[in-house]
Structures are given as structure tokens and as C-alpha cells.
Amino acid sequence: MAPATRRKLKPAITLTRSDHERLWRLAESLPDSAANVADPLLAELDRARIVADNKIAAKVVRMGSSLCFTSELGDEKHVTLVYPGEADIEAGKVSILTPIGAALIGLSAGQTIDWAARDGRVRRLTVNSVTQPGDAAKAKVSHALQP
């Protein structure tokens, strides 16, 4: 007989080699007292498929990506995934060392993930779209060059 509750598998994630290496060093450099911050990130890094920096799809969340996601409550949020020193929740800049930041890394547009918030509640989000750094500037230049 199958168990009454079933653990939902996490979606496949992909990281660039440089993001993986830099994030691994960041998580490993944290003191033991910060295990509650480092462990979720290390778990995501452990399960990630690693690809060359120039081989990752544009729709994959990586460091510096801006994205739009929808929560299980239907709230739509626009954020940018950043390193801790750049975090600014008022500006929508989410640190990779937060539970939601660690959950977002490596996801692709269209994927859904369950993640544990700091208060222990399990939350769910779905990535709607991903924009890479420089994509907006490229689009402006391309648009300006059109007749």
C-alpha cells in the first residue's frame, strides 16, 4: 500500500559552471552557525546539472537574472536574484542566501517548486518568465536600429 502522503520531487535545475563554483565557495565560507542559510543552497547545488557558461538556455534563472513568478496565492512578483551584498528587498533584489533565492536558482520558465520559508511553512511558486542581465539593453539597441 502506498503512503498516504507523498513527497513531491523537486524539478530539474541547471546551473552554469561559474555560478556553481562561486555559489559553492560562498556557501562553504559561511560559519557553522549559518547552516540554516548554507544547507538549502548546498542541497540545490548538489542536485544541479552543470553546463558550460555559454551553453545555458536564456530561460534559466541564474545569478543576476530578473524573473517574474507567481506564488501559490496567485500573487505575481518581479525580482532579481543577487549575491548577499547586493540584496535590497525594496528594490526587488533577492539574495541567493534566502530560502526563496536558493529555491529559484537553476529553475526555468514554466517550472514550479515547493520551498520552505523561514517560518517553516511550505510555499510554492511558478516561474513565469526570465530575463538575463543585458537582455533589456540589447532589446533597446535592436529596437533603436530598426527603421
N, C-alpha and C. Protein backbone atom coordinates (compact mmCIF):
# COMPACT_ATOMS: atom_id res chain seq x y z
N MET A 1 0.85 -1.18 0.00
CA MET A 1 0.00 0.00 0.00
C MET A 1 0.89 1.24 0.00
N ALA A 2 0.52 2.22 -0.81
CA ALA A 2 1.31 3.44 -0.93
C ALA A 2 1.09 4.33 0.28
N PRO A 3 2.11 5.09 0.69
CA PRO A 3 1.95 6.00 1.82
C PRO A 3 0.87 7.04 1.53
N ALA A 4 0.22 7.50 2.58
CA ALA A 4 -0.87 8.47 2.43
C ALA A 4 -0.36 9.81 1.90
N THR A 5 0.86 10.17 2.28
CA THR A 5 1.44 11.41 1.78
C THR A 5 2.66 11.06 0.95
N ARG A 6 2.83 11.80 -0.09
CA ARG A 6 3.93 11.56 -0.99
C ARG A 6 4.76 12.82 -1.11
N ARG A 7 6.06 12.67 -1.01
CA ARG A 7 6.95 13.81 -1.13
C ARG A 7 7.05 14.23 -2.58
N LYS A 8 6.80 15.48 -2.86
CA LYS A 8 6.87 15.99 -4.23
C LYS A 8 8.33 16.13 -4.63
N LEU A 9 8.67 15.58 -5.78
CA LEU A 9 10.03 15.71 -6.28
C LEU A 9 10.29 17.13 -6.75
N LYS A 10 11.50 17.57 -6.54
CA LYS A 10 11.87 18.91 -7.00
C LYS A 10 12.14 18.85 -8.50
N PRO A 11 11.88 19.95 -9.20
CA PRO A 11 12.13 19.97 -10.65
C PRO A 11 13.63 19.97 -10.94
N ALA A 12 13.98 19.50 -12.11
CA ALA A 12 15.38 19.52 -12.55
C ALA A 12 15.85 20.97 -12.66
N ILE A 13 17.09 21.21 -12.27
CA ILE A 13 17.65 22.55 -12.39
C ILE A 13 19.00 22.49 -13.10
N THR A 14 19.36 23.62 -13.70
CA THR A 14 20.61 23.73 -14.45
C THR A 14 21.35 24.98 -13.98
N LEU A 15 22.66 24.84 -13.80
CA LEU A 15 23.50 25.97 -13.41
C LEU A 15 24.70 26.07 -14.33
N THR A 16 25.18 27.29 -14.51
CA THR A 16 26.44 27.45 -15.23
C THR A 16 27.58 27.02 -14.32
N ARG A 17 28.66 26.61 -14.91
CA ARG A 17 29.83 26.20 -14.14
C ARG A 17 30.32 27.33 -13.23
N SER A 18 30.36 28.56 -13.75
CA SER A 18 30.88 29.67 -12.94
C SER A 18 29.93 30.00 -11.78
N ASP A 19 28.61 29.99 -12.01
CA ASP A 19 27.67 30.22 -10.90
C ASP A 19 27.82 29.12 -9.85
N HIS A 20 27.90 27.87 -10.31
CA HIS A 20 28.02 26.74 -9.39
C HIS A 20 29.26 26.88 -8.51
N GLU A 21 30.40 27.16 -9.13
CA GLU A 21 31.65 27.28 -8.37
C GLU A 21 31.61 28.45 -7.40
N ARG A 22 31.11 29.60 -7.84
CA ARG A 22 31.08 30.78 -6.97
C ARG A 22 30.09 30.58 -5.82
N LEU A 23 28.93 29.99 -6.11
CA LEU A 23 27.94 29.76 -5.05
C LEU A 23 28.42 28.71 -4.06
N TRP A 24 29.12 27.69 -4.56
CA TRP A 24 29.65 26.66 -3.66
C TRP A 24 30.64 27.29 -2.69
N ARG A 25 31.55 28.13 -3.23
CA ARG A 25 32.53 28.81 -2.36
C ARG A 25 31.83 29.70 -1.34
N LEU A 26 30.79 30.41 -1.78
CA LEU A 26 30.03 31.28 -0.88
C LEU A 26 29.41 30.48 0.25
N ALA A 27 28.72 29.40 -0.08
CA ALA A 27 28.05 28.59 0.94
C ALA A 27 29.05 27.94 1.89
N GLU A 28 30.15 27.46 1.35
CA GLU A 28 31.17 26.81 2.18
C GLU A 28 31.91 27.80 3.08
N SER A 29 31.92 29.08 2.71
CA SER A 29 32.63 30.09 3.50
C SER A 29 31.82 30.57 4.70
N LEU A 30 30.55 30.23 4.75
CA LEU A 30 29.71 30.68 5.86
C LEU A 30 30.06 29.91 7.13
N PRO A 31 29.96 30.56 8.27
CA PRO A 31 30.26 29.86 9.53
C PRO A 31 29.22 28.76 9.81
N ASP A 32 29.59 27.81 10.65
CA ASP A 32 28.68 26.72 11.02
C ASP A 32 27.37 27.24 11.58
N SER A 33 27.41 28.39 12.21
CA SER A 33 26.20 28.96 12.79
C SER A 33 25.20 29.40 11.71
N ALA A 34 25.64 29.46 10.46
CA ALA A 34 24.76 29.86 9.35
C ALA A 34 24.33 28.66 8.51
N ALA A 35 24.35 27.47 9.11
CA ALA A 35 23.96 26.26 8.38
C ALA A 35 22.54 26.34 7.84
N ASN A 36 21.66 27.04 8.57
CA ASN A 36 20.27 27.17 8.10
C ASN A 36 20.18 27.97 6.80
N VAL A 37 21.21 28.74 6.48
CA VAL A 37 21.27 29.50 5.24
C VAL A 37 22.05 28.72 4.18
N ALA A 38 23.17 28.14 4.57
CA ALA A 38 24.05 27.45 3.63
C ALA A 38 23.49 26.11 3.16
N ASP A 39 22.89 25.35 4.07
CA ASP A 39 22.44 23.99 3.71
C ASP A 39 21.43 23.94 2.57
N PRO A 40 20.39 24.80 2.56
CA PRO A 40 19.47 24.75 1.42
C PRO A 40 20.15 25.06 0.09
N LEU A 41 21.08 26.01 0.10
CA LEU A 41 21.79 26.34 -1.13
C LEU A 41 22.68 25.18 -1.55
N LEU A 42 23.40 24.59 -0.61
CA LEU A 42 24.26 23.44 -0.94
C LEU A 42 23.44 22.27 -1.48
N ALA A 43 22.24 22.07 -0.96
CA ALA A 43 21.37 20.99 -1.46
C ALA A 43 20.98 21.25 -2.90
N GLU A 44 20.69 22.50 -3.24
CA GLU A 44 20.36 22.83 -4.63
C GLU A 44 21.57 22.65 -5.54
N LEU A 45 22.74 23.07 -5.07
CA LEU A 45 23.96 22.93 -5.86
C LEU A 45 24.27 21.46 -6.12
N ASP A 46 24.03 20.62 -5.12
CA ASP A 46 24.29 19.18 -5.25
C ASP A 46 23.43 18.53 -6.32
N ARG A 47 22.22 18.98 -6.47
CA ARG A 47 21.31 18.32 -7.41
C ARG A 47 21.29 18.94 -8.81
N ALA A 48 22.02 20.03 -8.98
CA ALA A 48 22.00 20.74 -10.26
C ALA A 48 22.79 20.02 -11.36
N ARG A 49 22.30 20.18 -12.58
CA ARG A 49 23.06 19.77 -13.76
C ARG A 49 23.93 20.97 -14.13
N ILE A 50 25.23 20.74 -14.29
CA ILE A 50 26.17 21.82 -14.56
C ILE A 50 26.50 21.86 -16.05
N VAL A 51 26.44 23.06 -16.63
CA VAL A 51 26.76 23.24 -18.04
C VAL A 51 27.76 24.38 -18.20
N ALA A 52 28.42 24.39 -19.34
CA ALA A 52 29.34 25.50 -19.65
C ALA A 52 28.57 26.80 -19.66
N ASP A 53 29.23 27.88 -19.28
CA ASP A 53 28.58 29.18 -19.18
C ASP A 53 27.87 29.59 -20.48
N ASN A 54 28.44 29.24 -21.61
CA ASN A 54 27.85 29.64 -22.90
C ASN A 54 26.83 28.63 -23.43
N LYS A 55 26.50 27.60 -22.64
CA LYS A 55 25.58 26.56 -23.08
C LYS A 55 24.26 26.55 -22.32
N ILE A 56 24.01 27.57 -21.52
CA ILE A 56 22.78 27.58 -20.72
C ILE A 56 21.68 28.33 -21.47
N ALA A 57 20.48 27.84 -21.36
CA ALA A 57 19.34 28.47 -22.02
C ALA A 57 19.02 29.81 -21.38
N ALA A 58 18.53 30.73 -22.18
CA ALA A 58 18.20 32.07 -21.69
C ALA A 58 17.05 32.05 -20.69
N LYS A 59 16.22 31.02 -20.71
CA LYS A 59 15.05 30.97 -19.82
C LYS A 59 15.36 30.39 -18.43
N VAL A 60 16.66 30.14 -18.14
CA VAL A 60 17.07 29.56 -16.86
C VAL A 60 17.48 30.67 -15.89
N VAL A 61 17.00 30.59 -14.66
CA VAL A 61 17.35 31.56 -13.62
C VAL A 61 18.79 31.33 -13.19
N ARG A 62 19.60 32.36 -13.33
CA ARG A 62 20.98 32.31 -12.84
C ARG A 62 21.25 33.61 -12.09
N MET A 63 22.43 33.74 -11.56
CA MET A 63 22.75 34.93 -10.78
C MET A 63 22.64 36.17 -11.69
N GLY A 64 21.93 37.17 -11.18
CA GLY A 64 21.71 38.40 -11.93
C GLY A 64 20.46 38.38 -12.80
N SER A 65 19.80 37.21 -12.90
CA SER A 65 18.57 37.12 -13.69
C SER A 65 17.45 37.90 -13.03
N SER A 66 16.61 38.52 -13.85
CA SER A 66 15.36 39.10 -13.37
C SER A 66 14.27 38.14 -13.80
N LEU A 67 13.29 37.96 -12.94
CA LEU A 67 12.25 37.00 -13.27
C LEU A 67 10.92 37.42 -12.69
N CYS A 68 9.90 36.83 -13.24
CA CYS A 68 8.55 37.01 -12.75
C CYS A 68 8.07 35.64 -12.31
N PHE A 69 7.50 35.55 -11.10
CA PHE A 69 6.93 34.28 -10.65
C PHE A 69 5.59 34.54 -9.99
N THR A 70 4.80 33.48 -9.91
CA THR A 70 3.50 33.52 -9.27
C THR A 70 3.54 32.60 -8.06
N SER A 71 3.05 33.10 -6.92
CA SER A 71 3.01 32.28 -5.70
C SER A 71 1.76 31.42 -5.71
N GLU A 72 1.70 30.49 -4.74
CA GLU A 72 0.52 29.63 -4.62
C GLU A 72 -0.75 30.43 -4.31
N LEU A 73 -0.58 31.66 -3.85
CA LEU A 73 -1.73 32.53 -3.56
C LEU A 73 -2.16 33.33 -4.78
N GLY A 74 -1.42 33.19 -5.89
CA GLY A 74 -1.74 33.91 -7.11
C GLY A 74 -1.07 35.26 -7.23
N ASP A 75 -0.23 35.60 -6.23
CA ASP A 75 0.49 36.88 -6.28
C ASP A 75 1.61 36.79 -7.29
N GLU A 76 1.73 37.80 -8.15
CA GLU A 76 2.82 37.85 -9.12
C GLU A 76 3.90 38.77 -8.58
N LYS A 77 5.13 38.30 -8.63
CA LYS A 77 6.27 39.07 -8.12
C LYS A 77 7.33 39.17 -9.21
N HIS A 78 8.02 40.30 -9.23
CA HIS A 78 9.15 40.53 -10.13
C HIS A 78 10.37 40.76 -9.25
N VAL A 79 11.41 39.93 -9.41
CA VAL A 79 12.60 40.02 -8.59
C VAL A 79 13.85 39.81 -9.44
N THR A 80 14.99 40.17 -8.87
CA THR A 80 16.29 39.89 -9.46
C THR A 80 17.08 39.09 -8.43
N LEU A 81 17.70 37.99 -8.86
CA LEU A 81 18.47 37.13 -7.96
C LEU A 81 19.90 37.65 -7.88
N VAL A 82 20.34 37.98 -6.65
CA VAL A 82 21.63 38.65 -6.46
C VAL A 82 22.44 37.99 -5.34
N TYR A 83 23.71 38.40 -5.26
CA TYR A 83 24.57 37.98 -4.15
C TYR A 83 24.19 38.80 -2.92
N PRO A 84 24.52 38.30 -1.72
CA PRO A 84 24.07 38.94 -0.48
C PRO A 84 24.36 40.44 -0.37
N GLY A 85 25.52 40.89 -0.80
CA GLY A 85 25.87 42.30 -0.68
C GLY A 85 25.03 43.23 -1.55
N GLU A 86 24.33 42.67 -2.55
CA GLU A 86 23.51 43.47 -3.45
C GLU A 86 22.03 43.42 -3.08
N ALA A 87 21.66 42.60 -2.11
CA ALA A 87 20.25 42.39 -1.77
C ALA A 87 19.59 43.68 -1.31
N ASP A 88 18.37 43.89 -1.78
CA ASP A 88 17.57 45.05 -1.41
C ASP A 88 16.12 44.70 -1.69
N ILE A 89 15.42 44.23 -0.69
CA ILE A 89 14.06 43.73 -0.88
C ILE A 89 13.13 44.81 -1.43
N GLU A 90 13.36 46.07 -1.03
CA GLU A 90 12.54 47.18 -1.53
C GLU A 90 12.69 47.35 -3.04
N ALA A 91 13.89 47.05 -3.55
CA ALA A 91 14.15 47.16 -4.99
C ALA A 91 13.91 45.84 -5.72
N GLY A 92 13.42 44.82 -5.00
CA GLY A 92 13.14 43.54 -5.63
C GLY A 92 14.38 42.70 -5.87
N LYS A 93 15.46 42.99 -5.15
CA LYS A 93 16.71 42.23 -5.29
C LYS A 93 16.79 41.21 -4.16
N VAL A 94 16.63 39.92 -4.52
CA VAL A 94 16.55 38.82 -3.57
C VAL A 94 17.90 38.12 -3.48
N SER A 95 18.40 37.95 -2.26
CA SER A 95 19.68 37.28 -2.05
C SER A 95 19.56 35.78 -2.30
N ILE A 96 20.60 35.22 -2.88
CA ILE A 96 20.70 33.77 -3.08
C ILE A 96 20.74 33.05 -1.73
N LEU A 97 21.10 33.75 -0.65
CA LEU A 97 21.18 33.13 0.67
C LEU A 97 19.86 33.20 1.46
N THR A 98 18.76 33.47 0.76
CA THR A 98 17.44 33.38 1.38
C THR A 98 16.80 32.09 0.90
N PRO A 99 15.83 31.57 1.63
CA PRO A 99 15.17 30.34 1.18
C PRO A 99 14.58 30.45 -0.24
N ILE A 100 13.97 31.59 -0.54
CA ILE A 100 13.39 31.73 -1.88
C ILE A 100 14.48 31.89 -2.94
N GLY A 101 15.57 32.57 -2.59
CA GLY A 101 16.68 32.71 -3.53
C GLY A 101 17.28 31.36 -3.90
N ALA A 102 17.51 30.53 -2.88
CA ALA A 102 18.06 29.18 -3.14
C ALA A 102 17.07 28.34 -3.94
N ALA A 103 15.77 28.54 -3.72
CA ALA A 103 14.77 27.78 -4.47
C ALA A 103 14.73 28.20 -5.94
N LEU A 104 14.98 29.47 -6.22
CA LEU A 104 14.87 29.98 -7.58
C LEU A 104 16.04 29.59 -8.49
N ILE A 105 17.24 29.47 -7.94
CA ILE A 105 18.42 29.25 -8.78
C ILE A 105 18.26 27.99 -9.62
N GLY A 106 18.52 28.13 -10.92
CA GLY A 106 18.51 26.99 -11.82
C GLY A 106 17.17 26.60 -12.41
N LEU A 107 16.08 27.20 -11.90
CA LEU A 107 14.77 26.90 -12.46
C LEU A 107 14.62 27.52 -13.84
N SER A 108 13.74 26.97 -14.64
CA SER A 108 13.43 27.52 -15.96
C SER A 108 12.02 28.06 -15.96
N ALA A 109 11.75 28.97 -16.89
CA ALA A 109 10.38 29.47 -17.05
C ALA A 109 9.44 28.30 -17.24
N GLY A 110 8.33 28.33 -16.51
CA GLY A 110 7.34 27.26 -16.57
C GLY A 110 7.46 26.24 -15.45
N GLN A 111 8.58 26.23 -14.73
CA GLN A 111 8.75 25.25 -13.66
C GLN A 111 8.15 25.74 -12.35
N THR A 112 7.72 24.78 -11.53
CA THR A 112 7.14 25.04 -10.22
C THR A 112 7.99 24.32 -9.17
N ILE A 113 8.16 24.98 -8.02
CA ILE A 113 8.93 24.36 -6.93
C ILE A 113 8.26 24.65 -5.60
N ASP A 114 8.32 23.68 -4.70
CA ASP A 114 7.92 23.86 -3.31
C ASP A 114 9.18 24.20 -2.53
N TRP A 115 9.10 25.15 -1.61
CA TRP A 115 10.26 25.55 -0.83
C TRP A 115 9.79 25.90 0.58
N ALA A 116 10.70 25.75 1.53
CA ALA A 116 10.37 26.02 2.94
C ALA A 116 10.77 27.45 3.29
N ALA A 117 9.79 28.23 3.70
CA ALA A 117 10.04 29.60 4.13
C ALA A 117 10.73 29.57 5.49
N ARG A 118 11.25 30.70 5.92
CA ARG A 118 11.95 30.77 7.20
C ARG A 118 11.07 30.40 8.39
N ASP A 119 9.76 30.59 8.23
CA ASP A 119 8.85 30.24 9.32
C ASP A 119 8.45 28.76 9.29
N GLY A 120 9.03 28.01 8.36
CA GLY A 120 8.77 26.57 8.28
C GLY A 120 7.63 26.18 7.36
N ARG A 121 6.83 27.15 6.93
CA ARG A 121 5.72 26.83 6.03
C ARG A 121 6.26 26.45 4.65
N VAL A 122 5.62 25.47 4.04
CA VAL A 122 5.99 25.10 2.67
C VAL A 122 5.20 25.99 1.73
N ARG A 123 5.93 26.63 0.85
CA ARG A 123 5.35 27.56 -0.13
C ARG A 123 5.58 27.00 -1.52
N ARG A 124 4.87 27.51 -2.48
CA ARG A 124 5.02 27.06 -3.87
C ARG A 124 5.08 28.28 -4.78
N LEU A 125 5.93 28.21 -5.77
CA LEU A 125 6.00 29.28 -6.77
C LEU A 125 6.19 28.67 -8.15
N THR A 126 5.76 29.40 -9.15
CA THR A 126 5.93 29.01 -10.55
C THR A 126 6.63 30.16 -11.27
N VAL A 127 7.73 29.86 -11.93
CA VAL A 127 8.46 30.87 -12.70
C VAL A 127 7.71 31.11 -14.00
N ASN A 128 7.34 32.36 -14.24
CA ASN A 128 6.62 32.72 -15.46
C ASN A 128 7.55 33.14 -16.59
N SER A 129 8.56 33.95 -16.25
CA SER A 129 9.48 34.44 -17.28
C SER A 129 10.82 34.78 -16.64
N VAL A 130 11.86 34.74 -17.46
CA VAL A 130 13.22 35.03 -17.01
C VAL A 130 13.87 35.96 -18.02
N THR A 131 14.53 36.99 -17.51
CA THR A 131 15.30 37.92 -18.34
C THR A 131 16.72 37.95 -17.81
N GLN A 132 17.68 37.82 -18.71
CA GLN A 132 19.09 37.83 -18.30
C GLN A 132 19.64 39.25 -18.29
N PRO A 133 20.66 39.50 -17.48
CA PRO A 133 21.28 40.83 -17.46
C PRO A 133 21.71 41.21 -18.88
N GLY A 134 21.40 42.42 -19.25
CA GLY A 134 21.78 42.89 -20.58
C GLY A 134 20.73 42.64 -21.65
N ASP A 135 19.76 41.74 -21.41
CA ASP A 135 18.72 41.48 -22.41
C ASP A 135 17.90 42.72 -22.71
N ALA A 136 17.55 43.50 -21.69
CA ALA A 136 16.75 44.70 -21.88
C ALA A 136 17.54 45.73 -22.69
N ALA A 137 18.84 45.86 -22.39
CA ALA A 137 19.68 46.81 -23.14
C ALA A 137 19.81 46.38 -24.59
N LYS A 138 19.99 45.07 -24.82
CA LYS A 138 20.08 44.56 -26.19
C LYS A 138 18.79 44.83 -26.96
N ALA A 139 17.66 44.64 -26.30
CA ALA A 139 16.38 44.86 -26.95
C ALA A 139 16.21 46.33 -27.33
N LYS A 140 16.65 47.25 -26.46
CA LYS A 140 16.56 48.68 -26.75
C LYS A 140 17.43 49.04 -27.94
N VAL A 141 18.64 48.51 -28.00
CA VAL A 141 19.55 48.80 -29.11
C VAL A 141 18.97 48.25 -30.39
N SER A 142 18.49 47.01 -30.34
CA SER A 142 17.90 46.38 -31.52
C SER A 142 16.71 47.19 -32.03
N HIS A 143 15.86 47.63 -31.10
CA HIS A 143 14.68 48.41 -31.45
C HIS A 143 15.10 49.76 -32.06
N ALA A 144 16.13 50.38 -31.50
CA ALA A 144 16.59 51.69 -31.97
C ALA A 144 17.20 51.58 -33.38
N LEU A 145 17.76 50.42 -33.72
CA LEU A 145 18.40 50.24 -35.03
C LEU A 145 17.39 49.93 -36.13
N GLN A 146 16.17 49.55 -35.74
CA GLN A 146 15.16 49.21 -36.75
C GLN A 146 14.64 50.49 -37.41
N PRO A 147 14.38 50.43 -38.73
CA PRO A 147 13.88 51.64 -39.43
C PRO A 147 12.48 52.02 -39.03
